[in-house]
Amino acid sequence: MLAKTFSAALSGIDSFKIDVEVNVQKGGDCEYISIVGLPDMAVKESKDRIRSAVLSSNLMRIEGSAVINLAPADLRKEGAAFDLAIACALLGASGQLKLEKLRRTAILGELALDGSIRPIKGALPIAAALALDDTIDNLIVPEANKDEAAAGAKAGNLAVYPMNHLLEAVGFFNQDNGNQYFYRDFQREITFADELDFADVKGQILAKRAMEIAAAGGHNSLMIGPPGTGKSMLASRINSILPPMTYSEALESSRIYSAMGLLNGQNIMNERPFRSPHHTISDVALIGGGKEPRPGEISLAHNGVLFLDELPEFKRNVLEVLRQPLEMGEIHVSRAAGSCVFPADFMLIAAMNPCPCGYGDAELGCKCKIDEKRRYRKKVSGPLLDRIDLHIELRQLSQDELLRAPDGEKSSVIRHRVIAARNIQSLRYKGTAIHCNSQMTSRQLQQYCRLDRNCTMLLRQAITQMKLSPRAYDRILKVSRTIADLANSENITENHIFEAIQYRKTGIGED
């Protein structure tokens, strides 16, 4: 007897439907089960897990030989997420399940030897893709994946049924009413990282101001200063002043985390991601890749923050691969197994010492030679620095600043101003793919960053004296637009331009 159902597989963070076809011929060797359709070892081993799960569930033994086809046959199938679909199709082909509902259902889940169903990766992007398929009405998922699957199913009219055991799936297909398994809930509570507050950081008023500008406009930033001046503290608190993610942003980030198995039972992410990889990371781990392409740290930081501490300690080839995603907001990964495009629209925050010893000033005990300082700073290339909007110098704190209690603004106060600035930008770019000032195109720069005569003269002087590139010029305009938004100013003024220029004057790229 022939039975058919559906499952799904991942390619990067995208999903594609898999037809699970089973043909059972009675009278043959009951031990013979063949799986075709480019299965990997985990898929081939599913027949042993299924055999044990069926017997442990006191179901009838599948007699005869079986051929299992996973179509399309030219796409490689990986992992154990097909176990439950294959088991249900085998039971249907052997006459133990009704076939009508089976043909309209997609099934996901790994089987344990006792018949219980284990969670899988990628339930959210899979559910989102299947929800747009008119041939599928129902989706069976492991209980642990029900929230993310329900969030993905909101894209269409797909009914999600979470299950814990193979017997529940059998009952679903054999009874007329399966509403008791129907699950379609979606909740997202907005949360903030209030345990880390900007008020905890002593001094560094200018650096805090720069972080506020970065958060308000989504700008990349680089902090340069001696050890202990608060670079890491400021970076770790950036999430506490960022605006909450929109639903579309949360869904985009959740798709990536679901595909990597990092959603941890949530239906959708509540907080912007903050990724801080160690400086020993490889270029593949940072941008993604591998034999079967997988997202890297920059994609895990999508719609959030990527913090690179001790920037010059990263391998140069690792840093250079950041150029494309910083400009395009996505990364193209091509391997022999296929090509993938991963979203990578993140805000880069980097930190570094001014020299190898860290102190940068003879008064602070620095003994580094000029050539050593030059080589250290040259580890970060000019083209990469050109893509960073804000260059911020942090000074050593005085004794009085160290001894007194922090007295800065709380993150909640700063966040209120940031959200107000983002709301201005949302109205400005309504109907476009732009979310914040840092994403403006050249045409939008001309439209929204018009300058009067005095502002133009100030910029011309800066370009001449600082030898700015056209990219640096554009970045100054974007930062100026953000500073004007924070001041609730419709037009960019000289003060806005002047403050933006100050964030390009660290001398990091000079000899």
Protein backbone atom coordinates (compact mmCIF):
# COMPACT_ATOMS: atom_id res chain seq x y z
CA MET A 1 0.00 0.00 0.00
CA LEU A 2 1.17 3.51 -0.79
CA ALA A 3 0.94 6.36 1.72
CA LYS A 4 2.06 9.96 1.47
CA THR A 5 2.54 12.83 3.89
CA PHE A 6 4.78 15.89 4.17
CA SER A 7 7.67 17.15 6.21
CA ALA A 8 10.17 19.98 5.71
CA ALA A 9 13.90 20.68 5.72
CA LEU A 10 16.13 23.70 6.12
CA SER A 11 18.60 25.24 3.70
CA GLY A 12 20.37 27.86 5.74
CA ILE A 13 17.43 29.66 7.34
CA ASP A 14 15.00 28.97 4.49
CA SER A 15 12.62 26.02 4.44
CA PHE A 16 11.46 23.73 1.66
CA LYS A 17 8.70 21.12 1.68
CA ILE A 18 9.58 17.42 1.60
CA ASP A 19 7.20 14.78 0.23
CA VAL A 20 7.40 11.62 2.32
CA GLU A 21 6.25 8.66 0.21
CA VAL A 22 6.10 5.12 1.61
CA ASN A 23 5.30 1.91 -0.24
CA VAL A 24 4.86 -1.23 1.89
CA GLN A 25 4.79 -4.59 0.12
CA LYS A 26 3.45 -7.35 2.35
CA GLY A 27 4.93 -10.79 2.12
CA GLY A 28 8.47 -9.51 1.75
CA ASP A 29 11.30 -9.35 4.25
CA CYS A 30 9.94 -7.46 7.25
CA GLU A 31 13.45 -6.35 8.16
CA TYR A 32 14.03 -4.61 4.85
CA ILE A 33 13.40 -0.86 4.87
CA SER A 34 15.05 1.28 2.23
CA ILE A 35 15.26 5.10 2.44
CA VAL A 36 16.05 6.96 -0.79
CA GLY A 37 16.27 10.65 -1.70
CA LEU A 38 19.81 11.64 -0.65
CA PRO A 39 19.45 10.91 3.09
CA ASP A 40 22.39 11.49 5.42
CA MET A 41 23.38 8.99 8.12
CA ALA A 42 20.96 10.44 10.69
CA VAL A 43 18.06 9.95 8.26
CA LYS A 44 19.16 6.41 7.40
CA GLU A 45 19.27 5.52 11.09
CA SER A 46 15.65 6.64 11.50
CA LYS A 47 14.36 3.18 10.53
CA ASP A 48 15.91 1.73 13.71
CA ARG A 49 14.43 4.48 15.90
CA ILE A 50 11.03 4.07 14.23
CA ARG A 51 11.03 0.28 14.65
CA SER A 52 11.74 0.61 18.38
CA ALA A 53 9.20 3.45 18.84
CA VAL A 54 6.42 1.45 17.14
CA LEU A 55 7.05 -1.64 19.28
CA SER A 56 7.38 0.41 22.49
CA SER A 57 4.03 2.08 21.74
CA ASN A 58 2.27 -1.32 21.45
CA LEU A 59 1.38 -0.68 17.85
CA MET A 60 1.21 -3.43 15.26
CA ARG A 61 4.55 -4.40 13.78
CA ILE A 62 5.00 -3.25 10.19
CA GLU A 63 5.16 -6.42 8.14
CA GLY A 64 6.69 -6.61 4.71
CA SER A 65 9.34 -4.61 2.89
CA ALA A 66 9.15 -0.84 2.67
CA VAL A 67 10.62 1.76 0.36
CA ILE A 68 10.67 5.33 1.69
CA ASN A 69 11.22 8.17 -0.75
CA LEU A 70 12.03 11.73 0.39
CA ALA A 71 11.36 14.07 -2.52
CA PRO A 72 12.73 16.11 -4.20
CA ALA A 73 15.41 13.48 -4.53
CA ASP A 74 18.17 15.86 -5.66
CA LEU A 75 18.25 17.80 -2.35
CA ARG A 76 20.23 16.33 0.52
CA LYS A 77 18.17 15.50 3.64
CA GLU A 78 19.84 15.93 7.02
CA GLY A 79 18.94 15.30 10.65
CA ALA A 80 16.34 13.33 12.58
CA ALA A 81 13.38 15.71 12.07
CA PHE A 82 11.83 13.30 9.50
CA ASP A 83 11.40 10.44 12.02
CA LEU A 84 7.78 11.14 12.97
CA ALA A 85 6.70 11.82 9.38
CA ILE A 86 8.25 8.56 8.16
CA ALA A 87 6.71 6.63 11.07
CA CYS A 88 3.23 8.00 10.36
CA ALA A 89 3.56 7.27 6.65
CA LEU A 90 4.69 3.70 7.43
CA LEU A 91 1.73 3.18 9.77
CA GLY A 92 -0.59 4.62 7.10
CA ALA A 93 0.81 2.34 4.41
CA SER A 94 0.36 -0.67 6.70
CA GLY A 95 -3.30 0.22 7.31
CA GLN A 96 -2.98 1.54 10.88
CA LEU A 97 -3.72 5.20 10.06
CA LYS A 98 -6.43 6.87 7.98
CA LEU A 99 -4.82 8.29 4.86
CA GLU A 100 -7.14 11.20 4.07
CA LYS A 101 -5.92 13.52 6.85
CA LEU A 102 -2.37 12.25 6.44
CA ARG A 103 -2.24 13.69 2.90
CA ARG A 104 -3.06 17.20 4.19
CA THR A 105 -0.61 17.24 7.11
CA ALA A 106 3.05 18.14 7.51
CA ILE A 107 4.85 16.34 10.32
CA LEU A 108 8.03 17.26 12.19
CA GLY A 109 9.78 15.56 15.08
CA GLU A 110 12.56 13.23 16.15
CA LEU A 111 11.50 9.93 17.74
CA ALA A 112 13.00 8.47 20.88
CA LEU A 113 13.14 4.69 21.26
CA ASP A 114 10.12 4.75 23.61
CA GLY A 115 8.00 6.70 21.10
CA SER A 116 8.30 10.10 22.70
CA ILE A 117 8.89 13.08 20.40
CA ARG A 118 12.01 15.20 20.73
CA PRO A 119 12.34 18.87 19.62
CA ILE A 120 13.85 19.95 16.31
CA LYS A 121 15.60 22.99 14.87
CA GLY A 122 13.89 25.51 12.62
CA ALA A 123 10.23 25.05 13.58
CA LEU A 124 9.50 28.77 13.08
CA PRO A 125 10.83 29.22 9.51
CA ILE A 126 9.39 25.84 8.55
CA ALA A 127 5.93 26.74 9.87
CA ALA A 128 6.09 30.15 8.19
CA ALA A 129 6.86 28.54 4.81
CA LEU A 130 4.26 25.76 5.14
CA ALA A 131 1.60 28.28 6.17
CA LEU A 132 1.73 29.67 2.62
CA ASP A 133 1.21 26.22 1.05
CA ASP A 134 -2.42 25.57 0.07
CA THR A 135 -1.91 21.80 0.00
CA ILE A 136 -1.26 21.61 3.77
CA ASP A 137 -3.89 22.23 6.47
CA ASN A 138 -2.21 20.84 9.59
CA LEU A 139 1.26 20.85 11.12
CA ILE A 140 2.34 18.39 13.82
CA VAL A 141 5.34 19.53 15.86
CA PRO A 142 7.03 18.44 19.10
CA GLU A 143 5.53 19.97 22.25
CA ALA A 144 8.79 21.85 22.90
CA ASN A 145 8.49 23.64 19.53
CA LYS A 146 4.82 24.62 19.75
CA ASP A 147 5.35 28.31 20.54
CA GLU A 148 7.75 29.07 17.71
CA ALA A 149 5.71 26.96 15.27
CA ALA A 150 2.53 28.83 16.25
CA ALA A 151 4.29 32.15 15.68
CA GLY A 152 5.39 31.05 12.20
CA ALA A 153 1.95 29.68 11.34
CA LYS A 154 0.41 33.14 11.75
CA ALA A 155 1.51 33.83 8.17
CA GLY A 156 -1.41 31.70 6.93
CA ASN A 157 -4.21 29.35 7.94
CA LEU A 158 -2.05 26.53 9.23
CA ALA A 159 -3.28 24.67 12.33
CA VAL A 160 -0.45 23.69 14.68
CA TYR A 161 -0.77 20.52 16.76
CA PRO A 162 1.91 19.98 19.42
CA MET A 163 2.49 16.37 20.52
CA ASN A 164 4.61 14.47 23.02
CA HIS A 165 4.29 10.88 21.80
CA LEU A 166 3.78 8.80 18.69
CA LEU A 167 0.46 7.53 20.08
CA GLU A 168 -0.89 11.09 20.09
CA ALA A 169 -0.17 11.33 16.36
CA VAL A 170 -1.92 8.00 15.78
CA GLY A 171 -4.96 9.24 17.70
CA PHE A 172 -4.99 12.49 15.72
CA PHE A 173 -5.21 10.72 12.37
CA ASN A 174 -7.67 8.00 13.44
CA GLN A 175 -10.28 10.14 15.20
CA ASP A 176 -12.63 12.53 13.44
CA ASN A 177 -12.11 15.46 15.81
CA GLY A 178 -8.57 16.56 16.60
CA ASN A 179 -9.32 19.94 18.09
CA GLN A 180 -7.88 18.95 21.44
CA TYR A 181 -4.43 19.14 19.83
CA PHE A 182 -5.00 22.48 18.14
CA TYR A 183 -2.64 25.20 19.32
CA ARG A 184 -2.50 28.69 17.95
CA ASP A 185 -1.23 31.12 20.52
CA PHE A 186 1.07 34.06 20.04
CA GLN A 187 2.37 36.38 22.72
CA ARG A 188 5.27 38.75 22.78
CA GLU A 189 6.12 40.81 25.82
CA ILE A 190 8.45 43.77 25.30
CA THR A 191 11.39 43.53 27.70
CA PHE A 192 14.42 45.68 28.34
CA ALA A 193 17.81 44.81 29.84
CA ASP A 194 17.22 46.99 32.90
CA GLU A 195 19.68 45.07 35.05
CA LEU A 196 22.45 46.80 33.06
CA ASP A 197 21.99 50.56 33.34
CA PHE A 198 23.94 53.47 31.86
CA ALA A 199 23.75 55.14 35.28
CA ASP A 200 26.29 52.54 36.51
CA VAL A 201 29.03 53.98 34.29
CA LYS A 202 31.13 56.65 36.01
CA GLY A 203 32.04 59.75 34.02
CA GLN A 204 32.50 59.44 30.23
CA ILE A 205 29.72 61.92 29.43
CA LEU A 206 30.85 62.31 25.80
CA ALA A 207 31.01 58.54 25.27
CA LYS A 208 27.50 58.14 26.67
CA ARG A 209 26.29 60.84 24.33
CA ALA A 210 27.89 59.01 21.40
CA MET A 211 26.18 55.75 22.44
CA GLU A 212 22.84 57.57 22.52
CA ILE A 213 23.43 58.86 18.98
CA ALA A 214 24.47 55.37 17.85
CA ALA A 215 21.30 53.84 19.30
CA ALA A 216 19.05 56.56 17.89
CA GLY A 217 20.32 56.18 14.32
CA GLY A 218 21.62 52.59 14.25
CA HIS A 219 25.18 53.81 13.69
CA ASN A 220 28.37 51.75 13.95
CA SER A 221 30.80 52.97 16.60
CA LEU A 222 34.38 52.44 17.77
CA MET A 223 35.54 53.23 21.31
CA ILE A 224 39.26 53.86 21.88
CA GLY A 225 40.74 54.22 25.34
CA PRO A 226 42.97 52.75 28.08
CA PRO A 227 41.89 49.66 30.04
CA GLY A 228 39.23 50.26 32.67
CA THR A 229 37.73 53.39 31.13
CA GLY A 230 34.32 51.78 30.61
CA LYS A 231 34.37 50.60 26.99
CA SER A 232 32.94 47.16 27.70
CA MET A 233 30.50 48.55 30.29
CA LEU A 234 29.07 50.99 27.77
CA ALA A 235 28.80 48.35 25.05
CA SER A 236 27.10 45.80 27.31
CA ARG A 237 24.46 48.41 28.23
CA ILE A 238 23.57 49.49 24.71
CA ASN A 239 20.55 47.17 24.63
CA SER A 240 19.06 49.03 27.59
CA ILE A 241 18.61 52.16 25.45
CA LEU A 242 17.69 50.59 22.12
CA PRO A 243 14.02 50.73 21.06
CA PRO A 244 12.02 47.49 21.15
CA MET A 245 11.95 45.42 18.00
CA THR A 246 8.97 45.71 15.72
CA TYR A 247 7.02 42.52 15.01
CA SER A 248 8.66 42.09 11.60
CA GLU A 249 12.16 42.56 13.09
CA ALA A 250 11.43 40.10 15.89
CA LEU A 251 10.17 37.54 13.39
CA GLU A 252 13.26 37.94 11.19
CA SER A 253 15.65 37.44 14.11
CA SER A 254 13.60 34.58 15.52
CA ARG A 255 13.78 32.71 12.19
CA ILE A 256 17.57 32.73 12.42
CA TYR A 257 17.67 31.62 16.05
CA SER A 258 15.07 28.92 15.41
CA ALA A 259 17.09 27.52 12.48
CA MET A 260 20.13 27.33 14.78
CA GLY A 261 18.14 25.75 17.63
CA LEU A 262 18.74 28.76 19.90
CA LEU A 263 15.19 29.99 20.46
CA ASN A 264 14.95 27.98 23.71
CA GLY A 265 11.21 27.42 23.65
CA GLN A 266 10.20 31.02 22.97
CA ASN A 267 7.61 31.73 20.32
CA ILE A 268 9.47 34.87 19.24
CA MET A 269 12.38 36.92 20.53
CA ASN A 270 11.57 39.65 23.06
CA GLU A 271 14.87 41.53 23.08
CA ARG A 272 17.36 42.65 20.47
CA PRO A 273 20.25 40.20 20.15
CA PHE A 274 23.65 41.13 21.56
CA ARG A 275 26.56 39.03 20.28
CA SER A 276 30.10 39.35 21.59
CA PRO A 277 32.41 36.76 19.94
CA HIS A 278 35.96 36.20 21.23
CA HIS A 279 38.81 37.61 19.16
CA THR A 280 39.96 34.07 18.27
CA ILE A 281 36.84 33.53 16.13
CA SER A 282 37.32 32.35 12.54
CA ASP A 283 35.94 34.12 9.49
CA VAL A 284 33.50 31.24 8.83
CA ALA A 285 32.15 31.39 12.38
CA LEU A 286 31.74 35.15 12.06
CA ILE A 287 29.99 35.42 8.69
CA GLY A 288 28.59 31.89 8.35
CA GLY A 289 29.37 29.00 6.05
CA GLY A 290 30.56 25.45 6.49
CA LYS A 291 29.99 22.40 4.32
CA GLU A 292 26.26 23.00 4.62
CA PRO A 293 25.99 26.82 4.97
CA ARG A 294 24.86 27.99 8.39
CA PRO A 295 24.43 31.52 9.77
CA GLY A 296 27.36 33.09 11.62
CA GLU A 297 27.63 35.63 14.42
CA ILE A 298 26.78 38.58 12.19
CA SER A 299 23.46 36.95 11.27
CA LEU A 300 22.77 36.05 14.90
CA ALA A 301 23.25 39.79 15.59
CA HIS A 302 20.68 40.73 12.91
CA ASN A 303 18.50 43.62 14.14
CA GLY A 304 20.76 43.85 17.19
CA VAL A 305 24.34 44.51 18.22
CA LEU A 306 27.65 42.88 17.34
CA PHE A 307 30.30 43.83 19.90
CA LEU A 308 33.95 43.23 18.98
CA ASP A 309 36.15 43.85 22.01
CA GLU A 310 39.92 44.24 21.52
CA LEU A 311 39.37 44.92 17.82
CA PRO A 312 43.06 44.80 16.68
CA GLU A 313 43.41 41.33 18.25
CA PHE A 314 41.03 39.85 15.68
CA LYS A 315 42.71 38.30 12.64
CA ARG A 316 42.83 40.77 9.78
CA ASN A 317 41.07 38.43 7.34
CA VAL A 318 38.25 38.01 9.89
CA LEU A 319 37.72 41.77 10.15
CA GLU A 320 37.88 42.32 6.40
CA VAL A 321 34.91 40.02 5.75
CA LEU A 322 32.76 42.55 7.62
CA ARG A 323 32.99 45.06 4.77
CA GLN A 324 30.16 43.67 2.62
CA PRO A 325 27.58 43.07 5.39
CA LEU A 326 28.26 46.51 6.90
CA GLU A 327 27.29 48.05 3.57
CA MET A 328 24.63 45.64 2.31
CA GLY A 329 22.97 44.37 5.51
CA GLU A 330 23.28 40.77 4.29
CA ILE A 331 25.95 38.20 3.52
CA HIS A 332 26.19 35.89 0.49
CA VAL A 333 27.72 32.51 1.33
CA SER A 334 28.60 30.19 -1.55
CA ARG A 335 29.77 26.61 -1.04
CA ALA A 336 29.88 23.46 -3.17
CA ALA A 337 26.64 22.32 -1.52
CA GLY A 338 24.85 25.52 -2.50
CA SER A 339 24.54 29.25 -1.97
CA CYS A 340 22.67 31.08 0.77
CA VAL A 341 21.89 34.69 1.58
CA PHE A 342 21.76 35.39 5.30
CA PRO A 343 20.41 38.66 6.76
CA ALA A 344 23.08 40.63 8.65
CA ASP A 345 21.72 44.08 9.39
CA PHE A 346 23.43 44.73 12.72
CA MET A 347 24.88 47.66 14.63
CA LEU A 348 28.64 47.22 15.09
CA ILE A 349 30.20 48.37 18.34
CA ALA A 350 33.95 47.88 18.61
CA ALA A 351 36.47 48.68 21.33
CA MET A 352 40.25 48.88 21.31
CA ASN A 353 43.23 50.15 23.28
CA PRO A 354 45.29 53.01 21.82
CA CYS A 355 48.50 50.91 21.77
CA PRO A 356 49.80 47.37 22.56
CA CYS A 357 50.30 48.07 26.27
CA GLY A 358 46.91 49.72 26.40
CA TYR A 359 47.66 53.06 28.02
CA GLY A 360 48.69 55.16 25.02
CA ASP A 361 50.16 58.00 27.09
CA ALA A 362 53.57 58.25 28.75
CA GLU A 363 51.93 59.88 31.79
CA LEU A 364 49.91 56.71 32.28
CA GLY A 365 52.97 54.47 32.00
CA CYS A 366 52.99 53.73 28.27
CA LYS A 367 56.41 52.64 26.98
CA CYS A 368 55.39 51.64 23.47
CA LYS A 369 57.50 52.99 20.64
CA ILE A 370 55.98 54.99 17.82
CA ASP A 371 56.46 52.16 15.32
CA GLU A 372 54.78 49.70 17.70
CA LYS A 373 51.78 52.01 18.06
CA ARG A 374 51.59 52.47 14.30
CA ARG A 375 51.68 48.72 13.62
CA TYR A 376 49.07 48.10 16.29
CA ARG A 377 46.64 50.62 14.84
CA LYS A 378 47.28 49.45 11.29
CA LYS A 379 45.85 46.04 12.23
CA VAL A 380 42.48 47.68 11.59
CA SER A 381 42.28 48.65 7.93
CA GLY A 382 41.25 52.06 6.67
CA PRO A 383 38.30 50.75 4.59
CA LEU A 384 36.84 49.09 7.69
CA LEU A 385 37.30 52.23 9.79
CA ASP A 386 35.65 54.23 7.03
CA ARG A 387 32.49 52.17 7.57
CA ILE A 388 32.32 53.08 11.26
CA ASP A 389 30.30 56.25 11.84
CA LEU A 390 31.39 57.23 15.35
CA HIS A 391 34.99 57.16 16.57
CA ILE A 392 34.96 57.84 20.30
CA GLU A 393 37.96 58.48 22.56
CA LEU A 394 37.57 57.60 26.23
CA ARG A 395 39.90 59.24 28.73
CA GLN A 396 41.31 57.90 31.97
CA LEU A 397 39.06 58.79 34.91
CA SER A 398 40.33 61.14 37.59
CA GLN A 399 40.56 60.13 41.25
CA ASP A 400 37.48 62.17 42.10
CA GLU A 401 35.44 60.45 39.37
CA LEU A 402 36.58 57.02 40.54
CA LEU A 403 35.75 57.65 44.21
CA ARG A 404 32.34 59.25 43.85
CA ALA A 405 29.18 57.31 43.12
CA PRO A 406 27.85 57.22 39.55
CA ASP A 407 25.47 60.11 38.89
CA GLY A 408 24.62 59.74 35.20
CA GLU A 409 21.22 59.45 33.54
CA LYS A 410 19.36 56.19 33.80
CA SER A 411 18.92 54.07 30.70
CA SER A 412 15.15 54.57 30.84
CA VAL A 413 15.60 58.34 30.39
CA ILE A 414 18.01 57.92 27.47
CA ARG A 415 15.80 55.25 25.92
CA HIS A 416 12.85 57.65 25.93
CA ARG A 417 14.83 60.11 23.76
CA VAL A 418 16.08 57.30 21.50
CA ILE A 419 12.55 55.99 20.90
CA ALA A 420 11.32 59.52 20.14
CA ALA A 421 14.08 59.92 17.53
CA ARG A 422 13.29 56.50 16.02
CA ASN A 423 9.62 57.43 15.77
CA ILE A 424 10.60 60.49 13.73
CA GLN A 425 12.60 58.23 11.43
CA SER A 426 9.76 55.72 11.14
CA LEU A 427 7.45 58.45 9.85
CA ARG A 428 10.15 59.79 7.54
CA TYR A 429 10.85 56.43 5.88
CA LYS A 430 7.32 55.08 6.01
CA GLY A 431 6.60 52.78 3.09
CA THR A 432 10.29 51.96 2.47
CA ALA A 433 12.65 49.24 3.66
CA ILE A 434 14.61 51.82 5.68
CA HIS A 435 14.25 51.66 9.47
CA CYS A 436 16.82 54.19 10.69
CA ASN A 437 19.16 56.94 9.49
CA SER A 438 22.20 54.69 9.08
CA GLN A 439 20.40 52.82 6.28
CA MET A 440 19.72 55.89 4.13
CA THR A 441 20.55 55.63 0.44
CA SER A 442 22.28 58.37 -1.56
CA ARG A 443 18.96 59.60 -2.90
CA GLN A 444 17.52 59.81 0.61
CA LEU A 445 20.60 61.68 1.81
CA GLN A 446 19.92 64.35 -0.79
CA GLN A 447 16.26 64.49 0.19
CA TYR A 448 16.50 64.52 3.99
CA CYS A 449 19.95 66.03 4.65
CA ARG A 450 19.74 69.36 2.89
CA LEU A 451 22.31 71.85 4.16
CA ASP A 452 22.39 75.61 4.24
CA ARG A 453 25.41 77.65 3.15
CA ASN A 454 27.13 77.66 6.56
CA CYS A 455 26.77 73.89 7.01
CA THR A 456 28.13 73.32 3.51
CA MET A 457 31.20 75.49 4.20
CA LEU A 458 31.84 73.66 7.48
CA LEU A 459 31.71 70.29 5.74
CA ARG A 460 33.98 71.44 2.92
CA GLN A 461 36.55 72.56 5.47
CA ALA A 462 36.35 69.20 7.26
CA ILE A 463 36.74 67.27 4.01
CA THR A 464 39.87 69.26 3.11
CA GLN A 465 41.55 69.19 6.51
CA MET A 466 40.67 65.60 7.45
CA LYS A 467 40.96 64.18 3.90
CA LEU A 468 37.60 62.48 4.20
CA SER A 469 36.42 59.91 1.69
CA PRO A 470 33.01 60.19 0.02
CA ARG A 471 31.81 57.38 2.30
CA ALA A 472 32.97 59.28 5.41
CA TYR A 473 31.18 62.37 4.09
CA ASP A 474 27.93 60.41 3.77
CA ARG A 475 28.35 58.99 7.26
CA ILE A 476 28.81 62.45 8.75
CA LEU A 477 25.55 63.52 7.09
CA LYS A 478 23.72 60.48 8.50
CA VAL A 479 25.03 61.13 12.01
CA SER A 480 24.09 64.80 11.68
CA ARG A 481 20.56 63.78 10.71
CA THR A 482 20.34 61.60 13.83
CA ILE A 483 21.63 64.39 16.09
CA ALA A 484 18.99 66.70 14.59
CA ASP A 485 16.30 64.07 15.24
CA LEU A 486 17.37 63.78 18.88
CA ALA A 487 16.99 67.57 19.12
CA ASN A 488 13.60 67.31 17.36
CA SER A 489 14.94 69.63 14.67
CA GLU A 490 13.53 69.47 11.15
CA ASN A 491 16.70 70.93 9.63
CA ILE A 492 20.36 70.08 10.13
CA THR A 493 22.25 73.00 11.67
CA GLU A 494 25.92 73.90 12.08
CA ASN A 495 25.93 72.51 15.64
CA HIS A 496 24.71 69.15 14.40
CA ILE A 497 27.36 69.03 11.66
CA PHE A 498 30.10 70.10 14.05
CA GLU A 499 29.24 67.42 16.62
CA ALA A 500 29.16 64.75 13.91
CA ILE A 501 32.58 65.83 12.65
CA GLN A 502 34.02 65.47 16.16
CA TYR A 503 33.37 61.73 15.98
CA ARG A 504 35.77 61.37 13.03
CA LYS A 505 38.78 63.03 14.73
CA THR A 506 40.40 60.22 16.74
CA GLY A 507 43.39 59.91 14.42
CA ILE A 508 43.11 56.11 14.47
CA GLY A 509 43.88 55.83 10.81
CA GLU A 510 46.81 58.21 10.83
CA ASP A 511 50.49 57.38 10.94
